[in-house]
Amino acid sequence: DRLAVKLEQSKVEKQLAEAALKDKYETQLKDRDEAIE
């Protein structure tokens, strides 16, 4: 049960990290595209 809860938390954290990383890279790509432009 503890591991299930931890796994669920990890999944949530992973999803949040992936979302943050995705936003970061999207922002970087956007900035790069803007810089290129």
PDB file of all heavy atoms in Angstrom:
ATOM      1  N   ASP A   1       0.834  -1.206   0.000  1.00  0.00           N
ATOM      2  CA  ASP A   1       0.000   0.000   0.000  1.00  0.00           C
ATOM      3  C   ASP A   1       0.868   1.256   0.000  1.00  0.00           C
ATOM      4  O   ASP A   1       0.585   2.229  -0.719  1.00  0.00           O
ATOM      5  CB  ASP A   1      -0.922   0.001   1.223  1.00  0.00           C
ATOM      6  CG  ASP A   1      -1.914  -1.153   1.185  1.00  0.00           C
ATOM      7  OD1 ASP A   1      -2.190  -1.661   0.061  1.00  0.00           O
ATOM      8  OD2 ASP A   1      -2.429  -1.546   2.256  1.00  0.00           O
ATOM      9  N   ARG A   2       1.968   1.215   0.836  1.00  0.00           N
ATOM     10  CA  ARG A   2       2.856   2.379   0.885  1.00  0.00           C
ATOM     11  C   ARG A   2       3.535   2.613  -0.467  1.00  0.00           C
ATOM     12  O   ARG A   2       3.627   3.750  -0.950  1.00  0.00           O
ATOM     13  CB  ARG A   2       3.923   2.174   1.967  1.00  0.00           C
ATOM     14  CG  ARG A   2       4.797   3.393   2.223  1.00  0.00           C
ATOM     15  CD  ARG A   2       5.835   3.093   3.284  1.00  0.00           C
ATOM     16  NE  ARG A   2       6.790   2.119   2.795  1.00  0.00           N
ATOM     17  CZ  ARG A   2       7.829   2.418   2.019  1.00  0.00           C
ATOM     18  NH1 ARG A   2       8.022   3.663   1.597  1.00  0.00           N
ATOM     19  NH2 ARG A   2       8.661   1.475   1.627  1.00  0.00           N
ATOM     20  N   LEU A   3       4.018   1.500  -1.061  1.00  0.00           N
ATOM     21  CA  LEU A   3       4.653   1.618  -2.373  1.00  0.00           C
ATOM     22  C   LEU A   3       3.665   2.059  -3.432  1.00  0.00           C
ATOM     23  O   LEU A   3       4.021   2.803  -4.364  1.00  0.00           O
ATOM     24  CB  LEU A   3       5.291   0.275  -2.765  1.00  0.00           C
ATOM     25  CG  LEU A   3       6.514  -0.150  -1.944  1.00  0.00           C
ATOM     26  CD1 LEU A   3       6.974  -1.546  -2.362  1.00  0.00           C
ATOM     27  CD2 LEU A   3       7.660   0.847  -2.149  1.00  0.00           C
ATOM     28  N   ALA A   4       2.426   1.586  -3.295  1.00  0.00           N
ATOM     29  CA  ALA A   4       1.406   2.006  -4.262  1.00  0.00           C
ATOM     30  C   ALA A   4       1.170   3.508  -4.163  1.00  0.00           C
ATOM     31  O   ALA A   4       1.077   4.219  -5.173  1.00  0.00           O
ATOM     32  CB  ALA A   4       0.110   1.229  -4.023  1.00  0.00           C
ATOM     33  N   VAL A   5       1.095   3.974  -2.891  1.00  0.00           N
ATOM     34  CA  VAL A   5       0.922   5.422  -2.693  1.00  0.00           C
ATOM     35  C   VAL A   5       2.135   6.184  -3.217  1.00  0.00           C
ATOM     36  O   VAL A   5       2.006   7.221  -3.900  1.00  0.00           O
ATOM     37  CB  VAL A   5       0.698   5.722  -1.189  1.00  0.00           C
ATOM     38  CG1 VAL A   5       0.685   7.235  -0.950  1.00  0.00           C
ATOM     39  CG2 VAL A   5      -0.608   5.099  -0.720  1.00  0.00           C
ATOM     40  N   LYS A   6       3.342   5.650  -2.879  1.00  0.00           N
ATOM     41  CA  LYS A   6       4.568   6.300  -3.355  1.00  0.00           C
ATOM     42  C   LYS A   6       4.648   6.282  -4.871  1.00  0.00           C
ATOM     43  O   LYS A   6       5.071   7.257  -5.503  1.00  0.00           O
ATOM     44  CB  LYS A   6       5.777   5.590  -2.753  1.00  0.00           C
ATOM     45  CG  LYS A   6       7.094   6.294  -3.032  1.00  0.00           C
ATOM     46  CD  LYS A   6       8.233   5.624  -2.294  1.00  0.00           C
ATOM     47  CE  LYS A   6       9.553   6.345  -2.572  1.00  0.00           C
ATOM     48  NZ  LYS A   6      10.684   5.680  -1.870  1.00  0.00           N
ATOM     49  N   LEU A   7       4.249   5.131  -5.456  1.00  0.00           N
ATOM     50  CA  LEU A   7       4.256   5.026  -6.913  1.00  0.00           C
ATOM     51  C   LEU A   7       3.295   6.022  -7.523  1.00  0.00           C
ATOM     52  O   LEU A   7       3.600   6.670  -8.540  1.00  0.00           O
ATOM     53  CB  LEU A   7       3.895   3.598  -7.333  1.00  0.00           C
ATOM     54  CG  LEU A   7       3.835   3.320  -8.833  1.00  0.00           C
ATOM     55  CD1 LEU A   7       5.215   3.563  -9.472  1.00  0.00           C
ATOM     56  CD2 LEU A   7       3.384   1.884  -9.093  1.00  0.00           C
ATOM     57  N   GLU A   8       2.168   6.166  -6.893  1.00  0.00           N
ATOM     58  CA  GLU A   8       1.200   7.132  -7.394  1.00  0.00           C
ATOM     59  C   GLU A   8       1.748   8.551  -7.284  1.00  0.00           C
ATOM     60  O   GLU A   8       1.622   9.364  -8.217  1.00  0.00           O
ATOM     61  CB  GLU A   8      -0.108   6.998  -6.595  1.00  0.00           C
ATOM     62  CG  GLU A   8      -1.274   7.782  -7.183  1.00  0.00           C
ATOM     63  CD  GLU A   8      -1.701   7.262  -8.542  1.00  0.00           C
ATOM     64  OE1 GLU A   8      -1.458   6.068  -8.817  1.00  0.00           O
ATOM     65  OE2 GLU A   8      -2.260   8.056  -9.328  1.00  0.00           O
ATOM     66  N   GLN A   9       2.393   8.816  -6.106  1.00  0.00           N
ATOM     67  CA  GLN A   9       3.019  10.131  -5.956  1.00  0.00           C
ATOM     68  C   GLN A   9       4.124  10.337  -6.980  1.00  0.00           C
ATOM     69  O   GLN A   9       4.261  11.419  -7.554  1.00  0.00           O
ATOM     70  CB  GLN A   9       3.586  10.267  -4.539  1.00  0.00           C
ATOM     71  CG  GLN A   9       2.534  10.335  -3.441  1.00  0.00           C
ATOM     72  CD  GLN A   9       3.161  10.393  -2.056  1.00  0.00           C
ATOM     73  OE1 GLN A   9       4.367  10.199  -1.905  1.00  0.00           O
ATOM     74  NE2 GLN A   9       2.326  10.645  -1.052  1.00  0.00           N
ATOM     75  N   SER A  10       4.924   9.262  -7.203  1.00  0.00           N
ATOM     76  CA  SER A  10       5.996   9.360  -8.198  1.00  0.00           C
ATOM     77  C   SER A  10       5.429   9.617  -9.581  1.00  0.00           C
ATOM     78  O   SER A  10       5.990  10.406 -10.366  1.00  0.00           O
ATOM     79  CB  SER A  10       6.838   8.077  -8.199  1.00  0.00           C
ATOM     80  OG  SER A  10       7.433   7.855  -6.946  1.00  0.00           O
ATOM     81  N   LYS A  11       4.320   8.932  -9.877  1.00  0.00           N
ATOM     82  CA  LYS A  11       3.694   9.159 -11.180  1.00  0.00           C
ATOM     83  C   LYS A  11       3.240  10.608 -11.311  1.00  0.00           C
ATOM     84  O   LYS A  11       3.453  11.244 -12.345  1.00  0.00           O
ATOM     85  CB  LYS A  11       2.508   8.218 -11.352  1.00  0.00           C
ATOM     86  CG  LYS A  11       2.890   6.769 -11.585  1.00  0.00           C
ATOM     87  CD  LYS A  11       1.656   5.910 -11.774  1.00  0.00           C
ATOM     88  CE  LYS A  11       2.033   4.437 -12.039  1.00  0.00           C
ATOM     89  NZ  LYS A  11       0.818   3.599 -12.195  1.00  0.00           N
ATOM     90  N   VAL A  12       2.642  11.114 -10.206  1.00  0.00           N
ATOM     91  CA  VAL A  12       2.188  12.509 -10.232  1.00  0.00           C
ATOM     92  C   VAL A  12       3.384  13.454 -10.378  1.00  0.00           C
ATOM     93  O   VAL A  12       3.370  14.386 -11.189  1.00  0.00           O
ATOM     94  CB  VAL A  12       1.387  12.826  -8.958  1.00  0.00           C
ATOM     95  CG1 VAL A  12       1.043  14.320  -8.903  1.00  0.00           C
ATOM     96  CG2 VAL A  12       0.116  11.992  -8.905  1.00  0.00           C
ATOM     97  N   GLU A  13       4.437  13.173  -9.546  1.00  0.00           N
ATOM     98  CA  GLU A  13       5.636  14.008  -9.640  1.00  0.00           C
ATOM     99  C   GLU A  13       6.270  13.906 -11.014  1.00  0.00           C
ATOM    100  O   GLU A  13       6.752  14.902 -11.571  1.00  0.00           O
ATOM    101  CB  GLU A  13       6.644  13.586  -8.564  1.00  0.00           C
ATOM    102  CG  GLU A  13       6.184  13.900  -7.153  1.00  0.00           C
ATOM    103  CD  GLU A  13       7.167  13.391  -6.116  1.00  0.00           C
ATOM    104  OE1 GLU A  13       8.153  12.719  -6.514  1.00  0.00           O
ATOM    105  OE2 GLU A  13       6.951  13.632  -4.909  1.00  0.00           O
ATOM    106  N   LYS A  14       6.314  12.696 -11.556  1.00  0.00           N
ATOM    107  CA  LYS A  14       6.877  12.505 -12.884  1.00  0.00           C
ATOM    108  C   LYS A  14       6.082  13.275 -13.924  1.00  0.00           C
ATOM    109  O   LYS A  14       6.637  13.914 -14.821  1.00  0.00           O
ATOM    110  CB  LYS A  14       6.914  11.023 -13.226  1.00  0.00           C
ATOM    111  CG  LYS A  14       7.524  10.715 -14.590  1.00  0.00           C
ATOM    112  CD  LYS A  14       7.526   9.223 -14.860  1.00  0.00           C
ATOM    113  CE  LYS A  14       8.122   8.938 -16.251  1.00  0.00           C
ATOM    114  NZ  LYS A  14       8.087   7.487 -16.552  1.00  0.00           N
ATOM    115  N   GLN A  15       4.749  13.185 -13.791  1.00  0.00           N
ATOM    116  CA  GLN A  15       3.909  13.916 -14.725  1.00  0.00           C
ATOM    117  C   GLN A  15       4.136  15.420 -14.600  1.00  0.00           C
ATOM    118  O   GLN A  15       4.254  16.133 -15.607  1.00  0.00           O
ATOM    119  CB  GLN A  15       2.440  13.574 -14.474  1.00  0.00           C
ATOM    120  CG  GLN A  15       2.062  12.145 -14.846  1.00  0.00           C
ATOM    121  CD  GLN A  15       0.638  11.808 -14.456  1.00  0.00           C
ATOM    122  OE1 GLN A  15      -0.049  12.624 -13.828  1.00  0.00           O
ATOM    123  NE2 GLN A  15       0.188  10.604 -14.822  1.00  0.00           N
ATOM    124  N   LEU A  16       4.252  15.885 -13.318  1.00  0.00           N
ATOM    125  CA  LEU A  16       4.516  17.308 -13.113  1.00  0.00           C
ATOM    126  C   LEU A  16       5.888  17.698 -13.670  1.00  0.00           C
ATOM    127  O   LEU A  16       6.036  18.750 -14.307  1.00  0.00           O
ATOM    128  CB  LEU A  16       4.434  17.646 -11.617  1.00  0.00           C
ATOM    129  CG  LEU A  16       3.044  17.519 -10.975  1.00  0.00           C
ATOM    130  CD1 LEU A  16       3.144  17.763  -9.475  1.00  0.00           C
ATOM    131  CD2 LEU A  16       2.061  18.497 -11.611  1.00  0.00           C
ATOM    132  N   ALA A  17       6.909  16.820 -13.389  1.00  0.00           N
ATOM    133  CA  ALA A  17       8.252  17.110 -13.901  1.00  0.00           C
ATOM    134  C   ALA A  17       8.276  17.095 -15.418  1.00  0.00           C
ATOM    135  O   ALA A  17       8.911  17.949 -16.055  1.00  0.00           O
ATOM    136  CB  ALA A  17       9.249  16.088 -13.347  1.00  0.00           C
ATOM    137  N   GLU A  18       7.589  16.099 -15.996  1.00  0.00           N
ATOM    138  CA  GLU A  18       7.529  16.033 -17.455  1.00  0.00           C
ATOM    139  C   GLU A  18       6.828  17.260 -18.011  1.00  0.00           C
ATOM    140  O   GLU A  18       7.252  17.820 -19.032  1.00  0.00           O
ATOM    141  CB  GLU A  18       6.805  14.759 -17.886  1.00  0.00           C
ATOM    142  CG  GLU A  18       7.617  13.480 -17.663  1.00  0.00           C
ATOM    143  CD  GLU A  18       6.832  12.240 -18.052  1.00  0.00           C
ATOM    144  OE1 GLU A  18       5.610  12.384 -18.323  1.00  0.00           O
ATOM    145  OE2 GLU A  18       7.426  11.138 -18.085  1.00  0.00           O
ATOM    146  N   ALA A  19       5.763  17.665 -17.308  1.00  0.00           N
ATOM    147  CA  ALA A  19       5.055  18.858 -17.775  1.00  0.00           C
ATOM    148  C   ALA A  19       5.939  20.090 -17.663  1.00  0.00           C
ATOM    149  O   ALA A  19       6.001  20.915 -18.590  1.00  0.00           O
ATOM    150  CB  ALA A  19       3.776  19.052 -16.961  1.00  0.00           C
ATOM    151  N   ALA A  20       6.670  20.202 -16.492  1.00  0.00           N
ATOM    152  CA  ALA A  20       7.566  21.349 -16.314  1.00  0.00           C
ATOM    153  C   ALA A  20       8.698  21.317 -17.331  1.00  0.00           C
ATOM    154  O   ALA A  20       9.059  22.337 -17.918  1.00  0.00           O
ATOM    155  CB  ALA A  20       8.127  21.346 -14.887  1.00  0.00           C
ATOM    156  N   LEU A  21       9.268  20.088 -17.525  1.00  0.00           N
ATOM    157  CA  LEU A  21      10.351  19.957 -18.500  1.00  0.00           C
ATOM    158  C   LEU A  21       9.857  20.262 -19.899  1.00  0.00           C
ATOM    159  O   LEU A  21      10.549  20.920 -20.695  1.00  0.00           O
ATOM    160  CB  LEU A  21      10.922  18.536 -18.427  1.00  0.00           C
ATOM    161  CG  LEU A  21      12.212  18.262 -19.209  1.00  0.00           C
ATOM    162  CD1 LEU A  21      13.337  19.142 -18.690  1.00  0.00           C
ATOM    163  CD2 LEU A  21      12.602  16.801 -19.116  1.00  0.00           C
ATOM    164  N   LYS A  22       8.648  19.777 -20.178  1.00  0.00           N
ATOM    165  CA  LYS A  22       8.068  20.044 -21.489  1.00  0.00           C
ATOM    166  C   LYS A  22       7.856  21.542 -21.680  1.00  0.00           C
ATOM    167  O   LYS A  22       8.187  22.104 -22.734  1.00  0.00           O
ATOM    168  CB  LYS A  22       6.751  19.292 -21.621  1.00  0.00           C
ATOM    169  CG  LYS A  22       6.094  19.444 -22.983  1.00  0.00           C
ATOM    170  CD  LYS A  22       4.818  18.632 -23.047  1.00  0.00           C
ATOM    171  CE  LYS A  22       4.133  18.804 -24.417  1.00  0.00           C
ATOM    172  NZ  LYS A  22       2.862  18.037 -24.481  1.00  0.00           N
ATOM    173  N   ASP A  23       7.314  22.183 -20.618  1.00  0.00           N
ATOM    174  CA  ASP A  23       7.118  23.636 -20.699  1.00  0.00           C
ATOM    175  C   ASP A  23       8.454  24.356 -20.860  1.00  0.00           C
ATOM    176  O   ASP A  23       8.566  25.319 -21.642  1.00  0.00           O
ATOM    177  CB  ASP A  23       6.413  24.143 -19.438  1.00  0.00           C
ATOM    178  CG  ASP A  23       4.977  23.643 -19.347  1.00  0.00           C
ATOM    179  OD1 ASP A  23       4.419  23.267 -20.405  1.00  0.00           O
ATOM    180  OD2 ASP A  23       4.423  23.626 -18.227  1.00  0.00           O
ATOM    181  N   LYS A  24       9.487  23.846 -20.090  1.00  0.00           N
ATOM    182  CA  LYS A  24      10.804  24.476 -20.176  1.00  0.00           C
ATOM    183  C   LYS A  24      11.372  24.372 -21.585  1.00  0.00           C
ATOM    184  O   LYS A  24      11.832  25.368 -22.164  1.00  0.00           O
ATOM    185  CB  LYS A  24      11.750  23.808 -19.178  1.00  0.00           C
ATOM    186  CG  LYS A  24      13.171  24.346 -19.219  1.00  0.00           C
ATOM    187  CD  LYS A  24      14.055  23.596 -18.235  1.00  0.00           C
ATOM    188  CE  LYS A  24      15.511  24.074 -18.348  1.00  0.00           C
ATOM    189  NZ  LYS A  24      16.381  23.308 -17.406  1.00  0.00           N
ATOM    190  N   TYR A  25      11.329  23.140 -22.132  1.00  0.00           N
ATOM    191  CA  TYR A  25      11.880  22.957 -23.478  1.00  0.00           C
ATOM    192  C   TYR A  25      11.037  23.660 -24.528  1.00  0.00           C
ATOM    193  O   TYR A  25      11.570  24.176 -25.519  1.00  0.00           O
ATOM    194  CB  TYR A  25      12.016  21.468 -23.795  1.00  0.00           C
ATOM    195  CG  TYR A  25      13.207  20.827 -23.148  1.00  0.00           C
ATOM    196  CD1 TYR A  25      13.066  19.793 -22.239  1.00  0.00           C
ATOM    197  CD2 TYR A  25      14.498  21.275 -23.421  1.00  0.00           C
ATOM    198  CE1 TYR A  25      14.156  19.213 -21.619  1.00  0.00           C
ATOM    199  CE2 TYR A  25      15.603  20.705 -22.823  1.00  0.00           C
ATOM    200  CZ  TYR A  25      15.425  19.674 -21.916  1.00  0.00           C
ATOM    201  OH  TYR A  25      16.517  19.115 -21.313  1.00  0.00           O
ATOM    202  N   GLU A  26       9.726  23.664 -24.306  1.00  0.00           N
ATOM    203  CA  GLU A  26       8.890  24.414 -25.236  1.00  0.00           C
ATOM    204  C   GLU A  26       9.225  25.898 -25.186  1.00  0.00           C
ATOM    205  O   GLU A  26       9.281  26.563 -26.226  1.00  0.00           O
ATOM    206  CB  GLU A  26       7.417  24.184 -24.898  1.00  0.00           C
ATOM    207  CG  GLU A  26       6.897  22.796 -25.296  1.00  0.00           C
ATOM    208  CD  GLU A  26       5.433  22.616 -24.939  1.00  0.00           C
ATOM    209  OE1 GLU A  26       4.892  23.518 -24.253  1.00  0.00           O
ATOM    210  OE2 GLU A  26       4.845  21.585 -25.336  1.00  0.00           O
ATOM    211  N   THR A  27       9.467  26.384 -23.930  1.00  0.00           N
ATOM    212  CA  THR A  27       9.856  27.794 -23.795  1.00  0.00           C
ATOM    213  C   THR A  27      11.203  28.045 -24.453  1.00  0.00           C
ATOM    214  O   THR A  27      11.391  29.053 -25.157  1.00  0.00           O
ATOM    215  CB  THR A  27       9.931  28.170 -22.303  1.00  0.00           C
ATOM    216  OG1 THR A  27       8.665  27.916 -21.689  1.00  0.00           O
ATOM    217  CG2 THR A  27      10.280  29.641 -22.137  1.00  0.00           C
ATOM    218  N   GLN A  28      12.167  27.106 -24.204  1.00  0.00           N
ATOM    219  CA  GLN A  28      13.482  27.256 -24.829  1.00  0.00           C
ATOM    220  C   GLN A  28      13.385  27.192 -26.350  1.00  0.00           C
ATOM    221  O   GLN A  28      14.035  27.974 -27.056  1.00  0.00           O
ATOM    222  CB  GLN A  28      14.426  26.172 -24.314  1.00  0.00           C
ATOM    223  CG  GLN A  28      14.832  26.348 -22.861  1.00  0.00           C
ATOM    224  CD  GLN A  28      15.796  25.269 -22.398  1.00  0.00           C
ATOM    225  OE1 GLN A  28      16.054  24.305 -23.117  1.00  0.00           O
ATOM    226  NE2 GLN A  28      16.316  25.421 -21.176  1.00  0.00           N
ATOM    227  N   LEU A  29      12.574  26.236 -26.832  1.00  0.00           N
ATOM    228  CA  LEU A  29      12.394  26.143 -28.283  1.00  0.00           C
ATOM    229  C   LEU A  29      11.738  27.397 -28.828  1.00  0.00           C
ATOM    230  O   LEU A  29      12.105  27.891 -29.903  1.00  0.00           O
ATOM    231  CB  LEU A  29      11.559  24.901 -28.622  1.00  0.00           C
ATOM    232  CG  LEU A  29      12.248  23.546 -28.413  1.00  0.00           C
ATOM    233  CD1 LEU A  29      11.258  22.411 -28.618  1.00  0.00           C
ATOM    234  CD2 LEU A  29      13.430  23.388 -29.374  1.00  0.00           C
ATOM    235  N   LYS A  30      10.747  27.884 -28.052  1.00  0.00           N
ATOM    236  CA  LYS A  30      10.082  29.112 -28.483  1.00  0.00           C
ATOM    237  C   LYS A  30      11.068  30.274 -28.502  1.00  0.00           C
ATOM    238  O   LYS A  30      11.102  31.058 -29.461  1.00  0.00           O
ATOM    239  CB  LYS A  30       8.916  29.414 -27.547  1.00  0.00           C
ATOM    240  CG  LYS A  30       8.106  30.639 -27.951  1.00  0.00           C
ATOM    241  CD  LYS A  30       6.947  30.857 -26.989  1.00  0.00           C
ATOM    242  CE  LYS A  30       6.158  32.107 -27.381  1.00  0.00           C
ATOM    243  NZ  LYS A  30       5.034  32.355 -26.430  1.00  0.00           N
ATOM    244  N   ASP A  31      11.897  30.362 -27.394  1.00  0.00           N
ATOM    245  CA  ASP A  31      12.901  31.429 -27.351  1.00  0.00           C
ATOM    246  C   ASP A  31      13.907  31.269 -28.486  1.00  0.00           C
ATOM    247  O   ASP A  31      14.325  32.266 -29.098  1.00  0.00           O
ATOM    248  CB  ASP A  31      13.632  31.401 -26.007  1.00  0.00           C
ATOM    249  CG  ASP A  31      12.721  31.772 -24.845  1.00  0.00           C
ATOM    250  OD1 ASP A  31      11.669  32.386 -25.112  1.00  0.00           O
ATOM    251  OD2 ASP A  31      13.057  31.430 -23.689  1.00  0.00           O
ATOM    252  N   ARG A  32      14.298  30.021 -28.751  1.00  0.00           N
ATOM    253  CA  ARG A  32      15.254  29.778 -29.834  1.00  0.00           C
ATOM    254  C   ARG A  32      14.648  30.157 -31.180  1.00  0.00           C
ATOM    255  O   ARG A  32      15.307  30.787 -32.005  1.00  0.00           O
ATOM    256  CB  ARG A  32      15.671  28.306 -29.837  1.00  0.00           C
ATOM    257  CG  ARG A  32      16.737  27.977 -30.866  1.00  0.00           C
ATOM    258  CD  ARG A  32      17.139  26.520 -30.769  1.00  0.00           C
ATOM    259  NE  ARG A  32      18.121  26.180 -31.776  1.00  0.00           N
ATOM    260  CZ  ARG A  32      19.422  26.353 -31.644  1.00  0.00           C
ATOM    261  NH1 ARG A  32      19.894  26.885 -30.528  1.00  0.00           N
ATOM    262  NH2 ARG A  32      20.264  26.001 -32.596  1.00  0.00           N
ATOM    263  N   ASP A  33      13.372  29.743 -31.345  1.00  0.00           N
ATOM    264  CA  ASP A  33      12.706  30.111 -32.603  1.00  0.00           C
ATOM    265  C   ASP A  33      12.602  31.621 -32.728  1.00  0.00           C
ATOM    266  O   ASP A  33      12.825  32.181 -33.811  1.00  0.00           O
ATOM    267  CB  ASP A  33      11.314  29.473 -32.656  1.00  0.00           C
ATOM    268  CG  ASP A  33      11.375  27.961 -32.783  1.00  0.00           C
ATOM    269  OD1 ASP A  33      12.430  27.455 -33.234  1.00  0.00           O
ATOM    270  OD2 ASP A  33      10.392  27.281 -32.432  1.00  0.00           O
ATOM    271  N   GLU A  34      12.266  32.269 -31.585  1.00  0.00           N
ATOM    272  CA  GLU A  34      12.186  33.727 -31.621  1.00  0.00           C
ATOM    273  C   GLU A  34      13.550  34.339 -31.899  1.00  0.00           C
ATOM    274  O   GLU A  34      13.663  35.320 -32.647  1.00  0.00           O
ATOM    275  CB  GLU A  34      11.634  34.246 -30.285  1.00  0.00           C
ATOM    276  CG  GLU A  34      10.170  33.924 -30.058  1.00  0.00           C
ATOM    277  CD  GLU A  34       9.689  34.393 -28.693  1.00  0.00           C
ATOM    278  OE1 GLU A  34      10.542  34.876 -27.911  1.00  0.00           O
ATOM    279  OE2 GLU A  34       8.480  34.283 -28.416  1.00  0.00           O
ATOM    280  N   ALA A  35      14.601  33.740 -31.271  1.00  0.00           N
ATOM    281  CA  ALA A  35      15.959  34.248 -31.520  1.00  0.00           C
ATOM    282  C   ALA A  35      16.337  34.056 -32.987  1.00  0.00           C
ATOM    283  O   ALA A  35      16.943  34.941 -33.606  1.00  0.00           O
ATOM    284  CB  ALA A  35      16.964  33.533 -30.613  1.00  0.00           C
ATOM    285  N   ILE A  36      15.981  32.877 -33.513  1.00  0.00           N
ATOM    286  CA  ILE A  36      16.262  32.633 -34.932  1.00  0.00           C
ATOM    287  C   ILE A  36      15.528  33.638 -35.798  1.00  0.00           C
ATOM    288  O   ILE A  36      16.095  34.194 -36.763  1.00  0.00           O
ATOM    289  CB  ILE A  36      15.884  31.187 -35.306  1.00  0.00           C
ATOM    290  CG1 ILE A  36      16.839  30.199 -34.605  1.00  0.00           C
ATOM    291  CG2 ILE A  36      15.924  30.987 -36.810  1.00  0.00           C
ATOM    292  CD1 ILE A  36      16.425  28.753 -34.778  1.00  0.00           C
ATOM    293  N   GLU A  37      14.256  33.874 -35.442  1.00  0.00           N
ATOM    294  CA  GLU A  37      13.487  34.852 -36.203  1.00  0.00           C
ATOM    295  C   GLU A  37      14.093  36.240 -36.079  1.00  0.00           C
ATOM    296  O   GLU A  37      14.161  36.990 -37.057  1.00  0.00           O
ATOM    297  CB  GLU A  37      12.033  34.862 -35.730  1.00  0.00           C
ATOM    298  CG  GLU A  37      11.248  33.617 -36.102  1.00  0.00           C
ATOM    299  CD  GLU A  37      11.181  33.422 -37.619  1.00  0.00           C
ATOM    300  OE1 GLU A  37      11.088  34.439 -38.343  1.00  0.00           O
ATOM    301  OE2 GLU A  37      11.249  32.270 -38.065  1.00  0.00           O
TER     302      GLU A  37
END
